[in-house]
Protein backbone atom coordinates (compact mmCIF):
# COMPACT_ATOMS: atom_id res chain seq x y z
CA UNK A 1 0.00 0.00 0.00
CA UNK A 2 1.58 3.31 -1.12
CA UNK A 3 0.79 6.97 -0.48
CA UNK A 4 -1.69 7.06 -3.36
CA UNK A 5 -3.63 4.14 -1.92
CA UNK A 6 -3.70 5.99 1.41
CA UNK A 7 -5.06 9.12 -0.23
CA UNK A 8 -7.67 7.04 -2.07
CA UNK A 9 -8.69 5.40 1.21
CA UNK A 10 -9.06 8.82 2.89
CA UNK A 11 -11.14 10.04 -0.05
CA UNK A 12 -13.34 6.94 0.13
CA UNK A 13 -13.76 7.39 3.88
CA UNK A 14 -14.76 11.03 3.40
CA UNK A 15 -17.34 10.07 0.76
CA UNK A 16 -18.65 7.30 3.00
CA UNK A 17 -19.09 9.60 6.03
CA UNK A 18 -20.54 12.41 3.91
CA UNK A 19 -23.02 10.05 2.23
CA UNK A 20 -24.11 8.63 5.58
CA UNK A 21 -24.63 12.12 7.02
CA UNK A 22 -26.44 13.35 3.89
CA UNK A 23 -28.75 10.34 3.81
CA UNK A 24 -29.47 10.57 7.56
CA UNK A 25 -30.46 14.25 7.44
CA UNK A 26 -32.69 13.71 4.39
CA UNK A 27 -34.31 10.68 6.02
CA UNK A 28 -35.14 12.81 9.08
CA UNK A 29 -36.82 15.44 6.91
CA UNK A 30 -38.60 12.90 4.70
CA UNK A 31 -39.85 10.87 7.66
CA UNK A 32 -41.02 13.95 9.59
CA UNK A 33 -44.67 12.94 9.99
CA UNK A 34 -43.69 9.32 10.69
CA UNK A 35 -41.35 10.49 13.43
CA UNK A 36 -44.16 12.49 15.01
CA UNK A 37 -46.44 9.43 15.00
CA UNK A 38 -43.72 7.20 16.42
CA UNK A 39 -42.74 9.65 19.11
CA UNK A 40 -46.37 10.16 20.15
CA UNK A 41 -46.23 6.59 21.48
CA UNK A 42 -43.46 7.38 23.93
CA UNK A 43 -45.87 7.67 26.83
CA UNK A 44 -46.94 4.05 26.35
CA UNK A 45 -45.44 0.98 28.06
CA UNK A 46 -41.88 -0.33 28.15
CA UNK A 47 -42.19 -2.49 25.05
CA UNK A 48 -43.73 0.41 23.07
CA UNK A 49 -40.78 2.61 24.09
CA UNK A 50 -38.33 -0.08 22.99
CA UNK A 51 -40.05 -0.50 19.62
CA UNK A 52 -40.26 3.27 19.17
CA UNK A 53 -36.50 3.64 19.71
CA UNK A 54 -35.88 0.77 17.31
CA UNK A 55 -38.24 2.18 14.68
CA UNK A 56 -36.99 5.79 14.84
CA UNK A 57 -33.35 4.69 14.62
CA UNK A 58 -34.06 2.30 11.75
CA UNK A 59 -35.73 5.21 9.91
CA UNK A 60 -33.06 7.86 10.47
CA UNK A 61 -30.12 5.41 10.50
CA UNK A 62 -28.45 6.87 13.60
CA UNK A 63 -28.67 5.74 17.21
CA UNK A 64 -26.63 8.82 18.17
CA UNK A 65 -29.29 11.13 16.69
CA UNK A 66 -32.07 9.22 18.45
CA UNK A 67 -30.24 9.38 21.79
CA UNK A 68 -29.56 13.10 21.40
CA UNK A 69 -33.30 13.57 20.73
CA UNK A 70 -34.08 11.58 23.88
CA UNK A 71 -31.75 13.81 25.93
CA UNK A 72 -33.59 16.82 24.49
CA UNK A 73 -36.99 15.30 25.33
CA UNK A 74 -35.96 14.62 28.93
CA UNK A 75 -34.46 18.10 29.26
CA UNK A 76 -37.75 19.59 27.98
CA UNK A 77 -39.83 17.53 30.40
CA UNK A 78 -41.49 15.68 27.50
CA UNK A 79 -40.24 12.29 28.61
CA UNK A 80 -39.55 10.67 31.95
CA UNK A 81 -36.22 8.99 32.57
CA UNK A 82 -37.86 5.56 32.74
CA UNK A 83 -39.33 6.04 29.26
CA UNK A 84 -35.99 7.30 27.92
CA UNK A 85 -34.23 4.11 29.01
CA UNK A 86 -36.55 1.94 26.91
CA UNK A 87 -36.12 4.15 23.84
CA UNK A 88 -32.30 4.11 24.20
CA UNK A 89 -32.30 0.31 24.33
CA UNK A 90 -34.44 0.16 21.18
CA UNK A 91 -32.09 2.60 19.44
CA UNK A 92 -29.18 0.22 20.01
CA UNK A 93 -30.99 -2.50 18.07
CA UNK A 94 -32.24 -0.11 15.36
CA UNK A 95 -28.72 1.03 14.52
CA UNK A 96 -27.78 -2.49 13.39
CA UNK A 97 -29.86 -2.02 10.22
CA UNK A 98 -27.03 0.03 8.69
CA UNK A 99 -24.52 -2.81 8.96
CA UNK A 100 -26.91 -5.12 7.10
CA UNK A 101 -27.35 -2.57 4.31
CA UNK A 102 -23.57 -2.19 4.02
CA UNK A 103 -23.14 -5.97 4.00
CA UNK A 104 -24.60 -5.92 0.46
CA UNK A 105 -21.13 -4.79 -0.63
CA UNK A 106 -19.79 -8.21 0.35
CA UNK A 107 -22.09 -10.16 -1.95
CA UNK A 108 -20.11 -12.26 -4.38
CA UNK A 109 -21.03 -14.69 -7.16
CA UNK A 110 -21.25 -15.11 -10.92
CA UNK A 111 -25.04 -15.46 -11.07
CA UNK A 112 -26.62 -12.41 -12.74
CA UNK A 113 -29.21 -12.05 -9.98
CA UNK A 114 -26.47 -12.09 -7.34
CA UNK A 115 -24.56 -9.50 -9.34
CA UNK A 116 -27.64 -7.26 -9.46
CA UNK A 117 -27.76 -7.28 -5.65
CA UNK A 118 -24.26 -5.78 -5.44
CA UNK A 119 -24.35 -2.01 -4.72
CA UNK A 120 -21.92 -1.33 -7.56
CA UNK A 121 -24.63 -2.65 -9.90
CA UNK A 122 -27.66 -0.72 -8.70
CA UNK A 123 -26.29 2.41 -6.95
CA UNK A 124 -25.54 4.17 -10.28
CA UNK A 125 -29.23 3.82 -11.14
CA UNK A 126 -30.21 5.15 -7.70
CA UNK A 127 -27.79 8.05 -8.14
CA UNK A 128 -29.34 8.86 -11.55
CA UNK A 129 -32.87 8.82 -10.12
CA UNK A 130 -31.67 10.87 -7.14
CA UNK A 131 -30.06 13.61 -9.21
CA UNK A 132 -33.16 13.86 -11.44
CA UNK A 133 -35.38 14.26 -8.36
CA UNK A 134 -32.98 16.74 -6.77
CA UNK A 135 -32.37 18.97 -9.80
CA UNK A 136 -35.63 18.87 -11.72
CA UNK A 137 -38.44 18.28 -9.19
CA UNK A 138 -39.78 21.20 -7.13
CA UNK A 139 -41.74 19.20 -4.55
CA UNK A 140 -39.64 19.28 -1.34
CA UNK A 141 -40.50 15.72 -0.30
CA UNK A 142 -39.42 14.31 -3.65
CA UNK A 143 -36.25 16.39 -3.51
CA UNK A 144 -35.53 14.86 -0.10
CA UNK A 145 -36.11 11.43 -1.64
CA UNK A 146 -33.53 12.38 -4.26
CA UNK A 147 -31.06 13.41 -1.54
CA UNK A 148 -31.63 10.07 0.25
CA UNK A 149 -30.80 8.17 -2.94
CA UNK A 150 -27.76 10.36 -3.62
CA UNK A 151 -26.57 9.96 -0.04
CA UNK A 152 -26.97 6.18 -0.22
CA UNK A 153 -25.13 6.03 -3.55
CA UNK A 154 -22.34 8.25 -2.17
CA UNK A 155 -21.78 6.14 0.94
CA UNK A 156 -21.81 2.93 -1.13
CA UNK A 157 -19.31 4.38 -3.61
CA UNK A 158 -17.20 5.51 -0.66
CA UNK A 159 -17.41 2.00 0.80
CA UNK A 160 -16.31 0.50 -2.52
CA UNK A 161 -13.41 2.96 -2.84
CA UNK A 162 -12.28 2.23 0.73
CA UNK A 163 -12.43 -1.53 0.15
CA UNK A 164 -10.39 -1.19 -3.04
CA UNK A 165 -7.81 1.13 -1.45
CA UNK A 166 -7.17 -1.10 1.58
CA UNK A 167 -6.89 -4.27 -0.51
CA UNK A 168 -3.11 -3.80 -0.60
CA UNK A 169 -2.99 -4.11 3.18
CA UNK A 170 -3.47 -7.87 2.92
CA UNK A 171 0.23 -8.12 2.01
CA UNK A 172 1.39 -5.85 4.84
CA UNK A 173 2.71 -7.79 7.84
CA UNK A 174 2.15 -4.90 10.25
CA UNK A 175 -1.54 -4.78 9.35
CA UNK A 176 -2.00 -8.47 10.10
CA UNK A 177 -0.07 -8.05 13.37
CA UNK A 178 -2.31 -5.12 14.31
CA UNK A 179 -5.48 -7.18 14.06
CA UNK A 180 -3.82 -10.12 15.81
CA UNK A 181 -3.22 -7.67 18.67
CA UNK A 182 -6.92 -6.72 18.65
CA UNK A 183 -7.77 -10.34 19.26
CA UNK A 184 -6.92 -9.44 22.84
CA UNK A 185 -10.49 -8.59 24.01
CA UNK A 186 -9.47 -5.57 26.11
CA UNK A 187 -7.41 -3.97 23.34
CA UNK A 188 -10.15 -4.70 20.80
CA UNK A 189 -12.80 -3.01 22.95
CA UNK A 190 -10.54 0.03 23.48
CA UNK A 191 -9.82 0.29 19.73
CA UNK A 192 -13.53 0.15 18.85
CA UNK A 193 -14.44 2.69 21.55
CA UNK A 194 -11.74 5.18 20.51
CA UNK A 195 -12.50 4.97 16.77
CA UNK A 196 -16.26 5.39 17.31
CA UNK A 197 -15.74 8.15 19.87
CA UNK A 198 -13.73 10.11 17.29
CA UNK A 199 -16.22 9.82 14.42
CA UNK A 200 -19.26 9.71 16.77
CA UNK A 201 -21.13 7.07 14.81
CA UNK A 202 -21.20 3.35 15.53
CA UNK A 203 -22.79 2.75 12.12
CA UNK A 204 -19.88 4.48 10.38
CA UNK A 205 -17.24 2.65 12.44
CA UNK A 206 -18.92 -0.70 11.70
CA UNK A 207 -18.83 0.24 8.00
CA UNK A 208 -15.10 1.01 8.25
CA UNK A 209 -14.52 -2.37 9.94
CA UNK A 210 -16.50 -4.08 7.17
CA UNK A 211 -14.36 -2.33 4.54
CA UNK A 212 -11.15 -3.44 6.30
CA UNK A 213 -12.46 -7.01 6.45
CA UNK A 214 -12.24 -7.11 2.64
CA UNK A 215 -8.43 -7.46 3.07
CA UNK A 216 -8.91 -10.96 4.50
CA UNK A 217 -6.64 -10.05 7.45
CA UNK A 218 -9.38 -9.24 9.96
CA UNK A 219 -10.36 -12.31 11.96
CA UNK A 220 -13.73 -12.88 13.60
CA UNK A 221 -11.87 -12.99 16.92
CA UNK A 222 -10.56 -9.45 16.35
CA UNK A 223 -13.83 -8.02 15.01
CA UNK A 224 -16.09 -9.08 17.92
CA UNK A 225 -14.29 -7.09 20.69
CA UNK A 226 -14.03 -4.07 18.35
CA UNK A 227 -17.80 -4.21 17.78
CA UNK A 228 -18.36 -4.31 21.56
CA UNK A 229 -16.15 -1.25 21.98
CA UNK A 230 -18.01 0.62 19.24
CA UNK A 231 -21.15 0.62 21.37
CA UNK A 232 -19.26 2.37 24.17
CA UNK A 233 -17.70 4.92 21.79
CA UNK A 234 -21.06 5.96 20.37
CA UNK A 235 -22.05 7.22 23.85
CA UNK A 236 -19.73 10.21 23.38
CA UNK A 237 -22.36 12.03 21.29
CA UNK A 238 -25.07 11.77 23.97
CA UNK A 239 -22.63 12.70 26.75
CA UNK A 240 -21.62 15.85 24.85
CA UNK A 241 -25.29 16.64 24.14
CA UNK A 242 -26.09 16.44 27.86
CA UNK A 243 -23.66 19.24 28.74
CA UNK A 244 -25.64 22.18 30.11
CA UNK A 245 -28.86 20.20 30.54
CA UNK A 246 -30.84 19.49 33.70
CA UNK A 247 -30.08 16.49 35.89
CA UNK A 248 -32.67 14.21 34.32
CA UNK A 249 -31.22 14.77 30.85
CA UNK A 250 -27.72 14.05 32.17
CA UNK A 251 -29.11 10.90 33.75
CA UNK A 252 -30.49 9.83 30.36
CA UNK A 253 -27.03 10.20 28.79
CA UNK A 254 -25.52 8.35 31.75
CA UNK A 255 -28.03 5.51 31.31
CA UNK A 256 -26.96 5.24 27.66
CA UNK A 257 -23.32 4.95 28.76
CA UNK A 258 -23.99 2.55 31.65
CA UNK A 259 -26.24 0.35 29.48
CA UNK A 260 -23.51 -0.08 26.89
CA UNK A 261 -20.67 -0.45 29.42
CA UNK A 262 -22.56 -3.03 31.52
CA UNK A 263 -23.70 -4.89 28.40
CA UNK A 264 -20.13 -4.93 27.07
CA UNK A 265 -18.71 -6.17 30.39
CA UNK A 266 -21.25 -9.01 30.54
CA UNK A 267 -20.78 -10.06 26.91
CA UNK A 268 -16.99 -9.63 27.06
CA UNK A 269 -16.82 -11.86 30.14
CA UNK A 270 -18.91 -14.53 28.43
CA UNK A 271 -16.84 -14.16 25.26
CA UNK A 272 -13.54 -14.54 27.16
CA UNK A 273 -14.81 -17.71 28.85
CA UNK A 274 -15.96 -19.14 25.49
CA UNK A 275 -12.81 -18.21 23.53
CA UNK A 276 -10.86 -21.44 24.25
CA UNK A 277 -13.75 -23.48 22.87
CA UNK A 278 -14.12 -21.41 19.67
CA UNK A 279 -10.51 -21.17 18.54
CA UNK A 280 -11.05 -22.41 14.99
CA UNK A 281 -14.16 -20.28 14.44
CA UNK A 282 -12.56 -17.10 15.81
CA UNK A 283 -9.50 -17.60 13.60
CA UNK A 284 -11.60 -17.47 10.43
CA UNK A 285 -11.63 -14.30 8.33
CA UNK A 286 -14.40 -11.84 9.13
CA UNK A 287 -16.67 -10.75 6.29
CA UNK A 288 -19.26 -8.03 5.75
CA UNK A 289 -21.99 -10.46 6.77
CA UNK A 290 -20.30 -11.93 9.86
CA UNK A 291 -19.65 -8.40 11.14
CA UNK A 292 -23.32 -7.47 10.59
CA UNK A 293 -24.40 -10.66 12.40
CA UNK A 294 -22.04 -10.00 15.32
CA UNK A 295 -23.20 -6.38 15.57
CA UNK A 296 -26.88 -7.37 15.65
CA UNK A 297 -26.34 -10.32 18.02
CA UNK A 298 -24.38 -8.23 20.50
CA UNK A 299 -26.99 -5.45 20.67
CA UNK A 300 -29.93 -7.84 20.86
CA UNK A 301 -28.27 -9.91 23.62
CA UNK A 302 -27.45 -6.76 25.65
CA UNK A 303 -31.03 -5.55 25.34
CA UNK A 304 -32.51 -8.94 26.30
CA UNK A 305 -30.29 -9.04 29.41
CA UNK A 306 -30.81 -5.47 30.59
CA UNK A 307 -34.36 -4.68 29.41
CA UNK A 308 -35.97 -6.43 32.41
CA UNK A 309 -33.59 -4.46 34.66
CA UNK A 310 -34.31 -1.01 33.26
CA UNK A 311 -35.58 0.18 36.66
CA UNK A 312 -32.18 -0.72 38.17
CA UNK A 313 -30.44 1.41 35.53
CA UNK A 314 -32.73 4.27 36.49
CA UNK A 315 -31.85 3.85 40.18
CA UNK A 316 -28.15 3.75 39.28
CA UNK A 317 -28.50 7.03 37.37
CA UNK A 318 -30.19 8.66 40.38
CA UNK A 319 -27.46 7.30 42.64
CA UNK A 320 -24.68 8.74 40.49
CA UNK A 321 -26.51 12.05 39.87
CA UNK A 322 -28.58 12.66 43.04
CA UNK A 323 -31.36 15.20 43.40
CA UNK A 324 -30.34 18.64 44.64
CA UNK A 325 -31.98 20.65 47.38
CA UNK A 326 -33.59 23.09 44.97
CA UNK A 327 -35.80 21.94 42.08
CA UNK A 328 -34.40 22.51 38.58
CA UNK A 329 -36.16 24.51 35.92
CA UNK A 330 -37.27 22.64 32.81
CA UNK A 331 -36.13 23.95 29.43
CA UNK A 332 -39.42 23.67 27.54
CA UNK A 333 -37.76 24.29 24.16
CA UNK A 334 -34.52 22.35 23.99
CA UNK A 335 -32.26 23.35 21.09
CA UNK A 336 -31.14 19.73 20.67
CA UNK A 337 -34.54 19.04 19.12
CA UNK A 338 -33.76 21.48 16.28
CA UNK A 339 -31.60 18.78 14.69
CA UNK A 340 -34.88 17.00 13.89
CA UNK A 341 -37.21 19.75 12.55
CA UNK A 342 -40.34 17.55 12.58
CA UNK A 343 -39.88 16.89 16.30
CA UNK A 344 -39.02 20.53 17.02
CA UNK A 345 -42.19 21.65 15.19
CA UNK A 346 -44.31 19.28 17.26
CA UNK A 347 -42.75 20.72 20.42
CA UNK A 348 -43.39 24.28 19.18
CA UNK A 349 -47.01 23.34 18.61
CA UNK A 350 -47.35 21.97 22.15
CA UNK A 351 -45.81 25.05 23.75
CA UNK A 352 -47.83 27.43 21.52
CA UNK A 353 -50.98 25.55 22.54
CA UNK A 354 -50.02 26.02 26.18
CA UNK A 355 -49.43 29.72 25.50
CA UNK A 356 -52.87 30.01 23.87
CA UNK A 357 -54.53 28.34 26.85
CA UNK A 358 -52.67 30.76 29.14
CA UNK A 359 -53.72 33.85 27.15
CA UNK A 360 -57.37 32.81 26.90
CA UNK A 361 -57.48 32.18 30.63
CA UNK A 362 -56.09 35.69 31.18
CA UNK A 363 -58.80 37.20 28.96
CA UNK A 364 -61.60 35.22 30.63
CA UNK A 365 -60.36 36.13 34.11
CA UNK A 366 -60.26 39.80 33.13
CA UNK A 367 -63.88 39.54 31.92
CA UNK A 368 -64.81 37.80 35.18
CA UNK A 369 -63.29 40.69 37.13
CA UNK A 370 -66.13 42.91 35.85
CA UNK A 371 -68.62 41.11 38.10
CA UNK A 372 -66.41 39.59 40.83
CA UNK A 373 -63.24 41.63 41.12
CA UNK A 374 -60.71 40.61 43.79
CA UNK A 375 -57.06 41.59 44.23
CA UNK A 376 -56.15 37.90 43.83
CA UNK A 377 -57.99 37.71 40.49
CA UNK A 378 -56.24 40.85 39.28
CA UNK A 379 -52.85 39.41 40.31
CA UNK A 380 -53.68 36.21 38.43
CA UNK A 381 -54.42 38.12 35.20
CA UNK A 382 -51.11 39.98 35.47
CA UNK A 383 -49.23 36.76 36.15
CA UNK A 384 -50.79 35.10 33.09
CA UNK A 385 -49.93 38.09 30.90
CA UNK A 386 -46.28 37.95 32.03
CA UNK A 387 -46.20 34.23 31.18
CA UNK A 388 -47.55 34.99 27.71
CA UNK A 389 -44.81 37.58 27.19
CA UNK A 390 -42.23 34.98 28.22
CA UNK A 391 -43.74 32.39 25.89
CA UNK A 392 -43.62 34.84 22.98
CA UNK A 393 -39.94 35.57 23.61
CA UNK A 394 -38.77 31.96 23.80
CA UNK A 395 -41.03 30.69 21.02
CA UNK A 396 -40.13 33.52 18.65
CA UNK A 397 -36.39 32.93 19.11
CA UNK A 398 -36.81 29.17 18.77
CA UNK A 399 -38.86 29.41 15.57
CA UNK A 400 -36.29 31.77 14.03
CA UNK A 401 -33.56 29.21 14.78
CA UNK A 402 -35.71 26.44 13.31
CA UNK A 403 -36.37 28.36 10.08
CA UNK A 404 -32.60 28.61 9.53
CA UNK A 405 -32.67 24.83 9.02
CA UNK A 406 -33.56 23.21 5.71
CA UNK A 407 -37.34 22.81 6.02
CA UNK A 408 -39.75 21.28 3.56
CA UNK A 409 -42.77 23.24 2.31
CA UNK A 410 -45.17 21.80 4.91
CA UNK A 411 -42.78 22.54 7.78
CA UNK A 412 -42.26 26.11 6.53
CA UNK A 413 -46.03 26.67 6.47
CA UNK A 414 -46.38 25.28 9.99
CA UNK A 415 -43.58 27.42 11.40
CA UNK A 416 -45.12 30.53 9.80
CA UNK A 417 -48.52 29.65 11.29
CA UNK A 418 -47.01 29.31 14.77
CA UNK A 419 -45.04 32.55 14.45
CA UNK A 420 -48.27 34.40 13.62
CA UNK A 421 -50.25 32.60 16.33
CA UNK A 422 -47.87 33.50 19.16
CA UNK A 423 -48.16 37.18 18.22
CA UNK A 424 -51.96 37.00 18.37
CA UNK A 425 -52.03 35.05 21.63
CA UNK A 426 -49.66 37.56 23.21
CA UNK A 427 -51.85 40.49 22.10
CA UNK A 428 -54.93 38.78 23.57
CA UNK A 429 -53.19 38.69 26.97
CA UNK A 430 -52.29 42.39 26.55
CA UNK A 431 -55.98 43.17 25.97
CA UNK A 432 -56.76 41.20 29.14
CA UNK A 433 -54.62 43.68 31.07
CA UNK A 434 -56.36 46.60 29.34
CA UNK A 435 -59.80 45.22 30.30
CA UNK A 436 -58.64 44.66 33.89
CA UNK A 437 -57.40 48.28 34.07
CA UNK A 438 -60.79 49.50 32.81
CA UNK A 439 -62.54 47.45 35.50
CA UNK A 440 -60.20 48.86 38.14
CA UNK A 441 -60.94 52.38 36.90
CA UNK A 442 -64.68 51.70 37.28
CA UNK A 443 -64.09 50.54 40.87
CA UNK A 444 -61.63 53.29 41.86
CA UNK A 445 -63.84 56.09 40.49
CA UNK A 446 -67.09 54.37 41.53
CA UNK A 447 -68.42 54.59 37.97
CA UNK A 448 -71.42 52.51 36.95
CA UNK A 449 -73.07 51.89 33.58
CA UNK A 450 -76.72 52.23 32.73
CA UNK A 451 -78.72 48.96 32.70
CA UNK A 452 -78.81 49.02 28.89
CA UNK A 453 -75.03 49.51 28.63
CA UNK A 454 -74.46 46.78 31.20
CA UNK A 455 -76.63 44.32 29.22
CA UNK A 456 -74.87 45.17 25.96
CA UNK A 457 -71.46 44.70 27.57
CA UNK A 458 -72.37 41.34 29.13
CA UNK A 459 -73.67 40.13 25.75
CA UNK A 460 -70.41 41.19 24.11
CA UNK A 461 -68.50 39.34 26.84
CA UNK A 462 -70.39 36.15 25.95
CA UNK A 463 -69.69 36.56 22.23
CA UNK A 464 -65.98 37.16 22.84
CA UNK A 465 -65.70 34.14 25.13
CA UNK A 466 -67.30 32.00 22.43
CA UNK A 467 -64.96 33.25 19.70
CA UNK A 468 -62.01 32.61 22.01
CA UNK A 469 -63.08 28.99 22.42
CA UNK A 470 -63.77 28.56 18.70
CA UNK A 471 -60.39 29.90 17.58
CA UNK A 472 -58.44 28.05 20.27
CA UNK A 473 -60.13 24.73 19.44
CA UNK A 474 -59.52 25.33 15.72
CA UNK A 475 -55.81 25.79 16.48
CA UNK A 476 -55.67 22.91 18.96
CA UNK A 477 -57.32 20.41 16.61
CA UNK A 478 -56.02 22.01 13.39
CA UNK A 479 -59.69 22.01 12.38
CA UNK A 480 -60.57 24.02 9.27
CA UNK A 481 -64.30 23.51 9.86
CA UNK A 482 -64.08 25.08 13.32
CA UNK A 483 -61.91 27.86 11.87
CA UNK A 484 -64.60 28.62 9.28
CA UNK A 485 -67.05 29.40 12.13
CA UNK A 486 -64.80 32.10 13.58
CA UNK A 487 -65.12 34.67 10.79
CA UNK A 488 -68.95 35.03 10.85
CA UNK A 489 -68.84 35.49 14.63
CA UNK A 490 -66.06 38.07 14.28
CA UNK A 491 -68.29 39.96 11.81
CA UNK A 492 -71.16 39.88 14.32
CA UNK A 493 -68.84 41.23 17.05
CA UNK A 494 -67.82 44.07 14.72
CA UNK A 495 -71.50 44.92 14.25
CA UNK A 496 -72.11 44.67 18.00
CA UNK A 497 -69.34 47.17 18.62
CA UNK A 498 -70.78 49.63 16.10
CA UNK A 499 -74.29 49.22 17.52
CA UNK A 500 -72.99 49.72 21.07
CA UNK A 501 -71.06 52.81 20.00
CA UNK A 502 -74.20 54.30 18.41
CA UNK A 503 -76.32 53.44 21.48
CA UNK A 504 -73.68 54.97 23.73
CA UNK A 505 -73.72 58.24 21.75
CA UNK A 506 -77.52 58.28 22.00
CA UNK A 507 -77.34 57.84 25.79
CA UNK A 508 -74.81 60.64 26.01
CA UNK A 509 -77.15 62.89 24.03
CA UNK A 510 -80.01 62.16 26.41
CA UNK A 511 -77.81 62.72 29.46
CA UNK A 512 -78.25 59.10 30.67
CA UNK A 513 -74.51 58.43 30.68
CA UNK A 514 -71.57 60.44 31.99
CA UNK A 515 -68.59 61.37 29.83
CA UNK A 516 -66.28 59.52 32.21
CA UNK A 517 -68.33 56.30 32.04
CA UNK A 518 -68.45 56.68 28.27
CA UNK A 519 -64.65 56.69 27.97
CA UNK A 520 -64.33 53.47 29.98
CA UNK A 521 -67.18 51.88 28.02
CA UNK A 522 -65.48 52.76 24.72
CA UNK A 523 -62.16 51.33 25.93
CA UNK A 524 -63.83 48.08 26.95
CA UNK A 525 -65.68 47.47 23.69
CA UNK A 526 -62.60 48.45 21.65
CA UNK A 527 -60.40 45.93 23.47
CA UNK A 528 -63.03 43.22 23.15
CA UNK A 529 -63.45 43.85 19.44
CA UNK A 530 -59.69 43.68 18.93
CA UNK A 531 -59.57 40.37 20.78
CA UNK A 532 -62.07 39.07 18.19
CA UNK A 533 -59.75 40.33 15.43
CA UNK A 534 -56.86 38.32 16.86
CA UNK A 535 -59.10 35.26 17.10
CA UNK A 536 -59.90 35.75 13.42
CA UNK A 537 -56.16 35.88 12.67
CA UNK A 538 -55.56 32.62 14.56
CA UNK A 539 -58.37 30.84 12.70
CA UNK A 540 -57.13 32.32 9.43
CA UNK A 541 -53.65 30.93 10.14
CA UNK A 542 -55.15 27.45 10.53
CA UNK A 543 -56.92 27.82 7.18
CA UNK A 544 -53.76 29.19 5.55
CA UNK A 545 -51.61 26.27 6.68
CA UNK A 546 -54.21 23.67 5.69
CA UNK A 547 -54.73 25.24 2.26
CA UNK A 548 -51.00 25.59 1.58
CA UNK A 549 -50.76 29.37 1.47
CA UNK A 550 -49.91 32.04 4.04
CA UNK A 551 -51.98 34.90 2.60
CA UNK A 552 -54.60 35.42 5.28
CA UNK A 553 -56.60 37.79 3.08
CA UNK A 554 -57.11 35.01 0.54
CA UNK A 555 -58.27 32.64 3.30
CA UNK A 556 -60.73 35.16 4.70
CA UNK A 557 -62.16 35.93 1.25
CA UNK A 558 -62.60 32.20 0.68
CA UNK A 559 -64.35 31.85 4.05
CA UNK A 560 -66.76 34.68 3.27
CA UNK A 561 -67.78 33.01 0.00
CA UNK A 562 -68.40 29.70 1.74
CA UNK A 563 -72.15 28.84 1.61
CA UNK A 564 -72.09 28.13 5.36
CA UNK A 565 -70.81 31.64 6.11
CA UNK A 566 -74.19 33.32 5.69
CA UNK A 567 -75.88 30.55 7.65
CA UNK A 568 -73.51 30.97 10.63
CA UNK A 569 -73.67 34.77 10.34
CA UNK A 570 -77.44 34.64 10.65
CA UNK A 571 -77.18 32.23 13.61
CA UNK A 572 -74.73 34.43 15.53
CA UNK A 573 -76.68 37.59 14.67
CA UNK A 574 -79.86 36.15 16.22
CA UNK A 575 -77.86 35.03 19.26
CA UNK A 576 -75.93 38.21 20.03
CA UNK A 577 -77.31 41.24 18.16
CA UNK A 578 -79.85 42.77 20.52
CA UNK A 579 -83.04 44.09 18.93
């Protein structure tokens, strides 16, 4: 092996790692909705958590990425440590899929059907399809499919280049001596752990080992300890991801490490005991397939041994990282989730929904203060408004960071909808404060409204509370039908405001209402009408996202031409417009 072979091997390795990374990222984007469905099952039992971890990792081809997501979930309070353990165990099995895909490179035979199974036969076709999808198709999902195919073709070409470049090593004595040395189980485990820790991917390090096995100088006895060590090395990614997180997230990363270390110790002990009885087998040359089998067998055996003892791993994590005297704050929007936009979007939706609930409660409490004001109720409204401000700050920053990622069209529409919604929810809480201040002015100045004004105001309160519920439920359920009902009610509230303004002017002319009371009355109905406007915006955002456009004016025009619009307008008019 000369310098040119070394350079070729480095080039092949770079292509292999780049292709794996490219394919993994595109798989995450392409499988966005599938990831959401899989991850929604995380609150189920132990077996469901195990299968979820297995499924997610098999889809995105990276146990490291899955474990980093789990650390982010735990840090955000989305997942309990006990649930995280099951997912981590499943991820260890899911990552073995990659080795089986790469083992296709080791297929050999003269039969035409066998030849067609070799990656060198079909990857050029995949690359051709991929580049056509990527360059000439506008649909983002199909473009991602193209990137997946290109990534797969790149990593397979890289694998083939690596295998060809290292073929000369079969004649190098030092190379054979090196792998004889790795037949020592301890040294083999250390070598596998160090290599995987450097490149932070057990799938990639298994692929490198498979490429080296093509030299015929890597024995099964050397490959098995290296594979065991690779599982320890892959923990580096999760450990780094846990830096700066809360204790539970650090415990999740520690569980990942302890699971792999304990599993390796158990299997290594059994392997060392069995070695004298398997001398001939272990001396045989390793192949792509035997490495894939060993990788799968090791991870499945570790999981079968430790899965029933997951609660003990949890207790160990709590022992090593004990609870402090003061409770830790939960980071509701963990930046680690941004690496998987579909998951980050789902988290944004959950937090935005919580913000909406918070803002609507503030508005309802401010309305309630009109009839049953207490200092405690006023303090509650102010507290809720401050929470809404905080939500807007953290959500706005998080969405901006998310939009810097490569998002597909659907994800871009969703992120735009949420950005608009948080602005409207925050303004609703601001109007809650304005209404509370008007109520406090009535109390401080001992101002009262006429019976007619009081009845009009209470009716408007009812209409606004209904539109709040309609718009919130439309957002919560992503329900276009519910969103369609918001606009006719908003139109009725606009008419109510105009009617109340005219009635107020008439009362002023007759001397039935004081100027001071009139100012407060005008402030109240203005704030309530603007709340209805924000509800209309929220419902319009739902319609925009579902119809694939973000032009709210188009959505509202469409709603007003809907045959049901006039029907609902008539219904709300009879309900709220006083004769």
